[in-house]
C-alpha atoms as a PDB file:
ATOM      1  CA  VAL A   1      -3.228 -41.394   4.739  1.00  0.00           C
ATOM      2  CA  TRP A   2      -5.266 -40.823   1.606  1.00  0.00           C
ATOM      3  CA  ASN A   3      -3.950 -39.207  -1.611  1.00  0.00           C
ATOM      4  CA  ALA A   4      -6.089 -37.349  -4.028  1.00  0.00           C
ATOM      5  CA  GLY A   5      -6.548 -39.712  -7.018  1.00  0.00           C
ATOM      6  CA  ASP A   6      -6.955 -42.673  -5.102  1.00  0.00           C
ATOM      7  CA  ARG A   7      -9.824 -44.974  -6.481  1.00  0.00           C
ATOM      8  CA  SER A   8     -11.488 -45.326  -3.191  1.00  0.00           C
ATOM      9  CA  PRO A   9     -12.841 -42.413  -1.055  1.00  0.00           C
ATOM     10  CA  PRO A  10     -11.008 -41.685   2.391  1.00  0.00           C
ATOM     11  CA  ALA A  11     -12.228 -43.932   5.153  1.00  0.00           C
ATOM     12  CA  MET A  12     -14.066 -42.322   7.981  1.00  0.00           C
ATOM     13  CA  PRO A  13     -14.468 -43.867  11.544  1.00  0.00           C
ATOM     14  CA  ARG A  14     -18.291 -44.896  11.743  1.00  0.00           C
ATOM     15  CA  ARG A  15     -19.099 -43.865  15.183  1.00  0.00           C
ATOM     16  CA  ALA A  16     -17.130 -40.745  15.413  1.00  0.00           C
ATOM     17  CA  SER A  17     -19.325 -37.470  15.651  1.00  0.00           C
ATOM     18  CA  GLY A  18     -16.253 -35.291  14.434  1.00  0.00           C
ATOM     19  CA  VAL A  19     -13.311 -36.053  12.448  1.00  0.00           C
ATOM     20  CA  ARG A  20     -10.091 -33.870  12.232  1.00  0.00           C
ATOM     21  CA  VAL A  21      -8.496 -34.012   8.846  1.00  0.00           C
ATOM     22  CA  THR A  22      -5.115 -32.326   7.898  1.00  0.00           C
ATOM     23  CA  LEU A  23      -4.800 -31.713   4.272  1.00  0.00           C
ATOM     24  CA  ARG A  24      -1.159 -31.286   2.741  1.00  0.00           C
ATOM     25  CA  ALA A  25      -0.427 -30.066  -0.863  1.00  0.00           C
ATOM     26  CA  ALA A  26       1.711 -31.886  -3.297  1.00  0.00           C
ATOM     27  CA  PRO A  27       5.457 -31.171  -2.833  1.00  0.00           C
ATOM     28  CA  TRP A  28       5.608 -29.153  -6.199  1.00  0.00           C
ATOM     29  CA  SER A  29       3.169 -26.732  -4.603  1.00  0.00           C
ATOM     30  CA  ALA A  30       6.222 -25.140  -2.609  1.00  0.00           C
ATOM     31  CA  LEU A  31       7.642 -23.987  -5.695  1.00  0.00           C
ATOM     32  CA  GLY A  32       5.014 -22.830  -8.006  1.00  0.00           C
ATOM     33  CA  TYR A  33       1.384 -22.718  -8.927  1.00  0.00           C
ATOM     34  CA  THR A  34       1.450 -25.660 -11.278  1.00  0.00           C
ATOM     35  CA  PRO A  35       4.108 -28.536 -11.239  1.00  0.00           C
ATOM     36  CA  ASP A  36       5.433 -27.531 -14.747  1.00  0.00           C
ATOM     37  CA  ALA A  37       5.561 -23.791 -14.115  1.00  0.00           C
ATOM     38  CA  ALA A  38       7.785 -23.062 -11.183  1.00  0.00           C
ATOM     39  CA  GLY A  39       7.868 -19.572  -9.689  1.00  0.00           C
ATOM     40  CA  PHE A  40       5.212 -17.492  -7.589  1.00  0.00           C
ATOM     41  CA  ALA A  41       5.031 -14.673 -10.277  1.00  0.00           C
ATOM     42  CA  PHE A  42       2.747 -13.831 -12.974  1.00  0.00           C
ATOM     43  CA  TRP A  43       2.647 -11.518 -15.974  1.00  0.00           C
ATOM     44  CA  PHE A  44      -0.533  -9.815 -17.080  1.00  0.00           C
ATOM     45  CA  ARG A  45      -0.544  -7.971 -20.336  1.00  0.00           C
ATOM     46  CA  LEU A  46      -2.624  -5.249 -21.909  1.00  0.00           C
ATOM     47  CA  ASP A  47      -4.053  -7.742 -24.438  1.00  0.00           C
ATOM     48  CA  GLY A  48      -5.745  -9.841 -21.783  1.00  0.00           C
ATOM     49  CA  SER A  49      -3.417 -12.529 -21.617  1.00  0.00           C
ATOM     50  CA  LEU A  50      -1.503 -13.947 -18.637  1.00  0.00           C
ATOM     51  CA  ALA A  51       1.531 -16.055 -18.081  1.00  0.00           C
ATOM     52  CA  PHE A  52       2.807 -17.362 -14.950  1.00  0.00           C
ATOM     53  CA  GLY A  53       5.999 -18.988 -13.499  1.00  0.00           C
ATOM     54  CA  VAL A  54       8.630 -19.985 -15.892  1.00  0.00           C
ATOM     55  CA  ASP A  55       6.053 -19.744 -18.742  1.00  0.00           C
ATOM     56  CA  MET A  56       6.518 -16.043 -18.736  1.00  0.00           C
ATOM     57  CA  LEU A  57       9.903 -16.344 -20.287  1.00  0.00           C
ATOM     58  CA  ARG A  58       8.427 -18.681 -22.910  1.00  0.00           C
ATOM     59  CA  ALA A  59       5.644 -16.023 -23.538  1.00  0.00           C
ATOM     60  CA  ALA A  60       8.108 -13.138 -23.812  1.00  0.00           C
ATOM     61  CA  ARG A  61      10.299 -14.953 -26.434  1.00  0.00           C
ATOM     62  CA  ALA A  62       7.087 -16.030 -28.281  1.00  0.00           C
ATOM     63  CA  ASP A  63       6.087 -12.284 -28.455  1.00  0.00           C
ATOM     64  CA  THR A  64       9.373 -11.215 -29.802  1.00  0.00           C
ATOM     65  CA  GLU A  65       9.361 -13.874 -32.622  1.00  0.00           C
ATOM     66  CA  VAL A  66       5.645 -12.965 -33.655  1.00  0.00           C
ATOM     67  CA  SER A  67       6.457  -9.209 -33.770  1.00  0.00           C
ATOM     68  CA  GLY A  68       9.740  -9.460 -35.569  1.00  0.00           C
ATOM     69  CA  LYS A  69      11.024  -6.650 -33.553  1.00  0.00           C
ATOM     70  CA  PRO A  70      13.778  -6.395 -31.036  1.00  0.00           C
ATOM     71  CA  PRO A  71      12.540  -7.057 -27.643  1.00  0.00           C
ATOM     72  CA  PRO A  72      11.541  -3.947 -25.510  1.00  0.00           C
ATOM     73  CA  ARG A  73      14.064  -2.538 -23.184  1.00  0.00           C
ATOM     74  CA  LEU A  74      13.739  -0.711 -19.818  1.00  0.00           C
ATOM     75  CA  VAL A  75      14.631   2.896 -19.801  1.00  0.00           C
ATOM     76  CA  ARG A  76      13.308   4.435 -16.579  1.00  0.00           C
ATOM     77  CA  VAL A  77      12.385   2.992 -13.143  1.00  0.00           C
ATOM     78  CA  HIS A  78      10.245   4.752 -10.610  1.00  0.00           C
ATOM     79  CA  HIS A  79       9.615   3.926  -6.792  1.00  0.00           C
ATOM     80  CA  PHE A  80       6.125   4.624  -5.595  1.00  0.00           C
ATOM     81  CA  ALA A  81       4.216   4.272  -2.429  1.00  0.00           C
ATOM     82  CA  HIS A  82       0.720   4.801  -0.807  1.00  0.00           C
ATOM     83  CA  ARG A  83      -1.415   3.997   2.048  1.00  0.00           C
ATOM     84  CA  TYR A  84      -4.720   2.179   1.271  1.00  0.00           C
ATOM     85  CA  ALA A  85      -7.759   4.255   1.267  1.00  0.00           C
ATOM     86  CA  LYS A  86      -9.891   4.280   4.502  1.00  0.00           C
ATOM     87  CA  GLU A  87     -12.401   6.626   5.949  1.00  0.00           C
ATOM     88  CA  HIS A  88     -11.157   6.226   9.463  1.00  0.00           C
ATOM     89  CA  GLU A  89      -7.503   5.072   9.693  1.00  0.00           C
ATOM     90  CA  SER A  90      -6.149   3.426  12.889  1.00  0.00           C
ATOM     91  CA  PRO A  91      -2.650   4.239  14.128  1.00  0.00           C
ATOM     92  CA  LYS A  92      -1.231   1.210  12.278  1.00  0.00           C
ATOM     93  CA  ASP A  93      -3.178   1.954   9.131  1.00  0.00           C
ATOM     94  CA  LYS A  94      -1.424   5.421   9.122  1.00  0.00           C
ATOM     95  CA  LEU A  95       2.022   3.507   9.250  1.00  0.00           C
ATOM     96  CA  THR A  96       1.142   0.879   6.731  1.00  0.00           C
ATOM     97  CA  TRP A  97       2.326   1.819   3.280  1.00  0.00           C
ATOM     98  CA  HIS A  98       2.436  -0.333   0.088  1.00  0.00           C
ATOM     99  CA  SER A  99       5.130   0.297  -2.484  1.00  0.00           C
ATOM    100  CA  GLY A 100       6.135  -0.934  -5.772  1.00  0.00           C
ATOM    101  CA  LEU A 101       7.988  -0.177  -8.930  1.00  0.00           C
ATOM    102  CA  LEU A 102       6.654   1.579 -12.205  1.00  0.00           C
ATOM    103  CA  LEU A 103       8.803   0.590 -15.198  1.00  0.00           C
ATOM    104  CA  GLU A 104       9.126   2.563 -18.565  1.00  0.00           C
ATOM    105  CA  TRP A 105      10.037   1.011 -21.846  1.00  0.00           C
ATOM    106  CA  ASP A 106      11.813   2.168 -24.956  1.00  0.00           C
ATOM    107  CA  HIS A 107       8.462   1.757 -27.004  1.00  0.00           C
ATOM    108  CA  ALA A 108       6.695   4.177 -24.800  1.00  0.00           C
ATOM    109  CA  GLU A 109       3.427   2.341 -25.432  1.00  0.00           C
ATOM    110  CA  HIS A 110       2.624   1.385 -21.978  1.00  0.00           C
ATOM    111  CA  THR A 111       4.292   1.072 -18.460  1.00  0.00           C
ATOM    112  CA  THR A 112       4.452  -1.813 -16.030  1.00  0.00           C
ATOM    113  CA  VAL A 113       4.028  -2.046 -12.257  1.00  0.00           C
ATOM    114  CA  VAL A 114       5.903  -4.607 -10.430  1.00  0.00           C
ATOM    115  CA  GLU A 115       4.826  -5.378  -6.707  1.00  0.00           C
ATOM    116  CA  LEU A 116       5.239  -8.041  -4.144  1.00  0.00           C
ATOM    117  CA  ALA A 117       2.260  -9.099  -1.988  1.00  0.00           C
ATOM    118  CA  TRP A 118       0.542 -12.024  -0.431  1.00  0.00           C
ATOM    119  CA  LEU A 119       0.596 -15.237  -2.342  1.00  0.00           C
ATOM    120  CA  ASN A 120      -2.857 -15.449  -4.226  1.00  0.00           C
ATOM    121  CA  GLY A 121      -3.826 -12.057  -2.913  1.00  0.00           C
ATOM    122  CA  LEU A 122      -5.359 -10.992  -6.097  1.00  0.00           C
ATOM    123  CA  GLY A 123      -6.616 -14.570  -7.379  1.00  0.00           C
ATOM    124  CA  GLY A 124      -8.194 -14.869  -3.961  1.00  0.00           C
ATOM    125  CA  TYR A 125      -9.778 -11.530  -4.126  1.00  0.00           C
ATOM    126  CA  GLY A 126     -11.531 -11.806  -7.463  1.00  0.00           C
ATOM    127  CA  GLY A 127      -8.767 -10.520  -9.403  1.00  0.00           C
ATOM    128  CA  LYS A 128      -9.398  -6.800  -7.997  1.00  0.00           C
ATOM    129  CA  SER A 129      -6.246  -5.066  -8.622  1.00  0.00           C
ATOM    130  CA  ASN A 130      -5.721  -1.234  -7.890  1.00  0.00           C
ATOM    131  CA  TRP A 131      -3.939  -0.705 -11.014  1.00  0.00           C
ATOM    132  CA  TYR A 132      -6.873  -1.222 -13.353  1.00  0.00           C
ATOM    133  CA  PRO A 133     -10.068   0.974 -13.912  1.00  0.00           C
ATOM    134  CA  ASP A 134     -12.248  -2.212 -13.943  1.00  0.00           C
ATOM    135  CA  ARG A 135     -11.243  -3.263 -10.301  1.00  0.00           C
ATOM    136  CA  ASP A 136     -14.774  -2.834  -8.982  1.00  0.00           C
ATOM    137  CA  ASP A 137     -16.396  -4.650 -11.864  1.00  0.00           C
ATOM    138  CA  ARG A 138     -18.085  -7.744 -11.146  1.00  0.00           C
ATOM    139  CA  ARG A 139     -15.575  -9.977 -12.944  1.00  0.00           C
ATOM    140  CA  PRO A 140     -12.371  -7.750 -13.852  1.00  0.00           C
ATOM    141  CA  ALA A 141     -10.436  -8.851 -16.994  1.00  0.00           C
ATOM    142  CA  LEU A 142      -7.421  -9.872 -14.886  1.00  0.00           C
ATOM    143  CA  TYR A 143      -9.601 -12.397 -12.967  1.00  0.00           C
ATOM    144  CA  ASP A 144     -11.088 -13.662 -16.447  1.00  0.00           C
ATOM    145  CA  ALA A 145      -7.466 -14.060 -17.522  1.00  0.00           C
ATOM    146  CA  MET A 146      -6.342 -16.102 -14.541  1.00  0.00           C
ATOM    147  CA  PRO A 147      -6.103 -19.818 -14.817  1.00  0.00           C
ATOM    148  CA  ALA A 148      -7.747 -21.966 -12.044  1.00  0.00           C
ATOM    149  CA  ALA A 149      -4.316 -22.603 -10.508  1.00  0.00           C
ATOM    150  CA  LEU A 150      -4.038 -18.762  -9.552  1.00  0.00           C
ATOM    151  CA  LYS A 151      -7.547 -18.621  -8.056  1.00  0.00           C
ATOM    152  CA  ALA A 152      -7.026 -19.725  -4.273  1.00  0.00           C
ATOM    153  CA  PRO A 153      -7.187 -18.451  -0.796  1.00  0.00           C
ATOM    154  CA  TRP A 154      -4.521 -15.965  -0.271  1.00  0.00           C
ATOM    155  CA  ARG A 155      -1.639 -16.997   2.191  1.00  0.00           C
ATOM    156  CA  THR A 156      -0.213 -14.295   4.469  1.00  0.00           C
ATOM    157  CA  GLU A 157       2.985 -16.223   5.100  1.00  0.00           C
ATOM    158  CA  MET A 158       4.127 -16.492   1.375  1.00  0.00           C
ATOM    159  CA  ALA A 159       4.718 -13.964  -1.400  1.00  0.00           C
ATOM    160  CA  GLU A 160       4.169 -13.683  -4.988  1.00  0.00           C
ATOM    161  CA  VAL A 161       5.439 -11.060  -7.532  1.00  0.00           C
ATOM    162  CA  ARG A 162       3.044  -9.419  -9.968  1.00  0.00           C
ATOM    163  CA  VAL A 163       4.318  -7.921 -13.308  1.00  0.00           C
ATOM    164  CA  LEU A 164       1.185  -5.816 -14.481  1.00  0.00           C
ATOM    165  CA  ASP A 165       1.334  -3.970 -17.810  1.00  0.00           C
ATOM    166  CA  ILE A 166      -0.950  -0.812 -17.466  1.00  0.00           C
ATOM    167  CA  ALA A 167      -2.109   1.790 -19.915  1.00  0.00           C
ATOM    168  CA  ALA A 168      -0.210   4.798 -18.579  1.00  0.00           C
ATOM    169  CA  LYS A 169       2.571   5.582 -20.907  1.00  0.00           C
ATOM    170  CA  ASP A 170       4.845   7.376 -18.561  1.00  0.00           C
ATOM    171  CA  ALA A 171       5.296   8.415 -14.812  1.00  0.00           C
ATOM    172  CA  ALA A 172       3.364  11.661 -15.432  1.00  0.00           C
ATOM    173  CA  THR A 173       0.184   9.680 -16.736  1.00  0.00           C
ATOM    174  CA  PHE A 174       0.603   7.153 -13.750  1.00  0.00           C
ATOM    175  CA  GLY A 175       0.616  10.077 -11.391  1.00  0.00           C
ATOM    176  CA  LYS A 176      -2.611  11.313 -12.869  1.00  0.00           C
ATOM    177  CA  TYR A 177      -4.141   7.808 -12.441  1.00  0.00           C
ATOM    178  CA  LEU A 178      -2.984   7.863  -8.518  1.00  0.00           C
ATOM    179  CA  SER A 179      -4.536  11.296  -8.154  1.00  0.00           C
ATOM    180  CA  ALA A 180      -7.837  10.230  -9.904  1.00  0.00           C
ATOM    181  CA  HIS A 181      -8.161   7.370  -7.356  1.00  0.00           C
ATOM    182  CA  THR A 182      -7.049   9.160  -4.240  1.00  0.00           C
ATOM    183  CA  GLY A 183      -9.440   9.862  -1.266  1.00  0.00           C
ATOM    184  CA  PRO A 184     -10.779   8.034   1.829  1.00  0.00           C
ATOM    185  CA  LYS A 185     -13.606   6.428  -0.309  1.00  0.00           C
ATOM    186  CA  ALA A 186     -11.219   5.621  -3.195  1.00  0.00           C
ATOM    187  CA  ARG A 187      -8.211   3.510  -3.552  1.00  0.00           C
ATOM    188  CA  PHE A 188      -5.128   5.269  -2.331  1.00  0.00           C
ATOM    189  CA  LEU A 189      -4.141   7.882   0.311  1.00  0.00           C
ATOM    190  CA  ASP A 190      -1.051   9.892  -0.114  1.00  0.00           C
ATOM    191  CA  PRO A 191       0.386   8.335  -3.126  1.00  0.00           C
ATOM    192  CA  THR A 192       3.729   9.494  -3.985  1.00  0.00           C
ATOM    193  CA  ILE A 193       6.585   8.763  -6.418  1.00  0.00           C
ATOM    194  CA  SER A 194       9.546   8.977  -4.062  1.00  0.00           C
ATOM    195  CA  ALA A 195      12.349   8.360  -6.452  1.00  0.00           C
ATOM    196  CA  SER A 196      13.316   7.950 -10.186  1.00  0.00           C
ATOM    197  CA  SER A 197      16.208   6.839 -12.118  1.00  0.00           C
ATOM    198  CA  GLU A 198      17.507   5.837 -15.598  1.00  0.00           C
ATOM    199  CA  VAL A 199      17.969   1.983 -15.923  1.00  0.00           C
ATOM    200  CA  ARG A 200      21.558   1.280 -15.975  1.00  0.00           C
ATOM    201  CA  LEU A 201      21.458  -2.497 -16.248  1.00  0.00           C
ATOM    202  CA  SER A 202      23.102  -3.891 -19.462  1.00  0.00           C
ATOM    203  CA  HIS A 203      20.712  -6.648 -19.412  1.00  0.00           C
ATOM    204  CA  ARG A 204      17.279  -4.906 -19.325  1.00  0.00           C
ATOM    205  CA  SER A 205      15.020  -6.648 -21.878  1.00  0.00           C
ATOM    206  CA  ARG A 206      11.544  -7.879 -20.853  1.00  0.00           C
ATOM    207  CA  GLU A 207      12.740 -11.251 -20.605  1.00  0.00           C
ATOM    208  CA  ASP A 208      15.642 -10.207 -18.345  1.00  0.00           C
ATOM    209  CA  LEU A 209      13.000  -8.556 -16.103  1.00  0.00           C
ATOM    210  CA  LEU A 210      10.939 -11.603 -15.938  1.00  0.00           C
ATOM    211  CA  ARG A 211      13.990 -13.696 -15.156  1.00  0.00           C
ATOM    212  CA  TYR A 212      15.006 -11.196 -12.339  1.00  0.00           C
ATOM    213  CA  VAL A 213      11.472 -11.491 -10.844  1.00  0.00           C
ATOM    214  CA  LEU A 214      11.570 -15.250 -10.769  1.00  0.00           C
ATOM    215  CA  ASN A 215      14.812 -15.624  -9.318  1.00  0.00           C
ATOM    216  CA  TYR A 216      13.895 -13.057  -6.624  1.00  0.00           C
ATOM    217  CA  VAL A 217      10.902 -14.936  -5.511  1.00  0.00           C
ATOM    218  CA  ARG A 218      12.350 -18.292  -5.898  1.00  0.00           C
ATOM    219  CA  ASN A 219      15.352 -17.283  -3.526  1.00  0.00           C
ATOM    220  CA  GLU A 220      12.876 -16.151  -0.909  1.00  0.00           C
ATOM    221  CA  SER A 221       9.055 -16.893  -1.116  1.00  0.00           C
ATOM    222  CA  ARG A 222       8.046 -16.048   2.358  1.00  0.00           C
ATOM    223  CA  TYR A 223       5.961 -12.905   3.230  1.00  0.00           C
ATOM    224  CA  ASN A 224       6.179 -11.238   6.821  1.00  0.00           C
ATOM    225  CA  GLN A 225       4.599  -7.699   7.374  1.00  0.00           C
ATOM    226  CA  GLU A 226       7.348  -6.463   9.319  1.00  0.00           C
ATOM    227  CA  SER A 227      10.561  -7.840   7.674  1.00  0.00           C
ATOM    228  CA  ARG A 228       9.670  -9.435   4.456  1.00  0.00           C
ATOM    229  CA  ASN A 229       7.031  -7.241   2.555  1.00  0.00           C
ATOM    230  CA  CYS A 230       6.363  -5.136  -0.567  1.00  0.00           C
ATOM    231  CA  GLN A 231       8.985  -2.615   0.542  1.00  0.00           C
ATOM    232  CA  THR A 232      11.862  -5.304   0.688  1.00  0.00           C
END
């Protein structure tokens, strides 16, 4: 057994033509991206900054203190769904939908997309998110904002929740963005906002939202395409 950090390198059999190695991550890696910020979730803001795990709560409190204003509160929520753009869809592709939530705030300055997907699905894919115009740039702003801990191969059996502030100020503007990127060679197929409602939670500040997200993904961090996916 060799542990990262040991002074000497791992011993290898001298005459063996091949060696099979089993790598195991540290125990804390089952709880978060880093040992001091538990929670497989991250929050990307329009100013280009990113916070992850429980550090999202600290970042939200710091923003409130700096602004000197009451924290923003959620006012409306919308459920959206789409298929992924492909020129030739297979039968399975036609049944595969991605869904998420669009959140509107009382400040009406921007909205927020919340989605569940593969763990490291964005960090392992160069930060190419469909919700930003620079997705196809060589180095999107989201990828620049990601610390090294979030840049790793994606894991299809585990989930993360993404809280993504986007420029659209309301559902109507978001709908126009969806339409502008719809088509077999674009990003979306058949995008729709299927349900909308006022947010009726008493506790609906930005910090409340981030706490809900952390509790959700901490309670169940597995991903399964059939039973534990973006639609659950």
